[in-house]
């Protein structure tokens, strides 16, 4: 599927969710409650 341009399986990485989670964590001192990856099925992948 990815050969045909399907990339939804990598969407979190493509949009930079991990980066923005790290920024939110630093700014909030580790107390952010709106992280995209924390507790998600994608957390281990990124």
C-alpha atoms as a PDB file:
ATOM      1  CA  UNK A   1       0.000   0.000   0.000  1.00  0.00           C
ATOM      2  CA  UNK A   2       2.778   2.443   0.821  1.00  0.00           C
ATOM      3  CA  UNK A   3       4.232   1.871  -2.638  1.00  0.00           C
ATOM      4  CA  UNK A   4       1.039   3.474  -3.963  1.00  0.00           C
ATOM      5  CA  UNK A   5       1.351   6.509  -1.692  1.00  0.00           C
ATOM      6  CA  UNK A   6      -0.684   5.310   1.301  1.00  0.00           C
ATOM      7  CA  UNK A   7       1.011   6.664   4.394  1.00  0.00           C
ATOM      8  CA  UNK A   8      -1.613   6.686   7.145  1.00  0.00           C
ATOM      9  CA  UNK A   9       0.323   3.998   9.003  1.00  0.00           C
ATOM     10  CA  UNK A  10       3.087   6.562   9.532  1.00  0.00           C
ATOM     11  CA  UNK A  11       0.889   9.630   9.959  1.00  0.00           C
ATOM     12  CA  UNK A  12       1.909  10.461  13.555  1.00  0.00           C
ATOM     13  CA  UNK A  13       5.571  10.540  12.561  1.00  0.00           C
ATOM     14  CA  UNK A  14       4.912  12.523   9.374  1.00  0.00           C
ATOM     15  CA  UNK A  15       3.109  15.314  11.191  1.00  0.00           C
ATOM     16  CA  UNK A  16       5.745  15.465  13.924  1.00  0.00           C
ATOM     17  CA  UNK A  17       3.590  14.315  16.832  1.00  0.00           C
ATOM     18  CA  UNK A  18       6.622  13.069  18.747  1.00  0.00           C
ATOM     19  CA  UNK A  19       8.402  16.404  18.406  1.00  0.00           C
ATOM     20  CA  UNK A  20       5.411  18.402  19.577  1.00  0.00           C
ATOM     21  CA  UNK A  21       4.865  15.986  22.465  1.00  0.00           C
ATOM     22  CA  UNK A  22       8.444  16.631  23.578  1.00  0.00           C
ATOM     23  CA  UNK A  23       7.983  20.400  23.331  1.00  0.00           C
ATOM     24  CA  UNK A  24       4.754  20.228  25.363  1.00  0.00           C
ATOM     25  CA  UNK A  25       6.428  18.014  27.955  1.00  0.00           C
ATOM     26  CA  UNK A  26       9.344  20.431  28.400  1.00  0.00           C
ATOM     27  CA  UNK A  27       7.113  23.498  28.588  1.00  0.00           C
ATOM     28  CA  UNK A  28       4.714  21.890  31.064  1.00  0.00           C
ATOM     29  CA  UNK A  29       7.453  20.414  33.218  1.00  0.00           C
ATOM     30  CA  UNK A  30       6.259  16.913  32.426  1.00  0.00           C
ATOM     31  CA  UNK A  31       2.632  17.460  33.374  1.00  0.00           C
ATOM     32  CA  UNK A  32       1.043  17.934  29.933  1.00  0.00           C
ATOM     33  CA  UNK A  33      -2.245  16.069  29.614  1.00  0.00           C
ATOM     34  CA  UNK A  34      -2.739  16.580  25.877  1.00  0.00           C
ATOM     35  CA  UNK A  35       0.116  14.523  24.452  1.00  0.00           C
ATOM     36  CA  UNK A  36      -0.662  12.727  21.191  1.00  0.00           C
ATOM     37  CA  UNK A  37       1.447   9.625  21.691  1.00  0.00           C
ATOM     38  CA  UNK A  38       1.353   8.967  25.440  1.00  0.00           C
ATOM     39  CA  UNK A  39      -0.685   5.846  26.047  1.00  0.00           C
ATOM     40  CA  UNK A  40      -1.350   5.319  22.343  1.00  0.00           C
ATOM     41  CA  UNK A  41      -0.633   2.252  20.270  1.00  0.00           C
ATOM     42  CA  UNK A  42       1.943   4.287  18.334  1.00  0.00           C
ATOM     43  CA  UNK A  43       3.998   5.242  21.397  1.00  0.00           C
ATOM     44  CA  UNK A  44       6.491   2.364  21.058  1.00  0.00           C
ATOM     45  CA  UNK A  45       6.929   2.930  17.322  1.00  0.00           C
ATOM     46  CA  UNK A  46       8.259   6.468  17.663  1.00  0.00           C
END
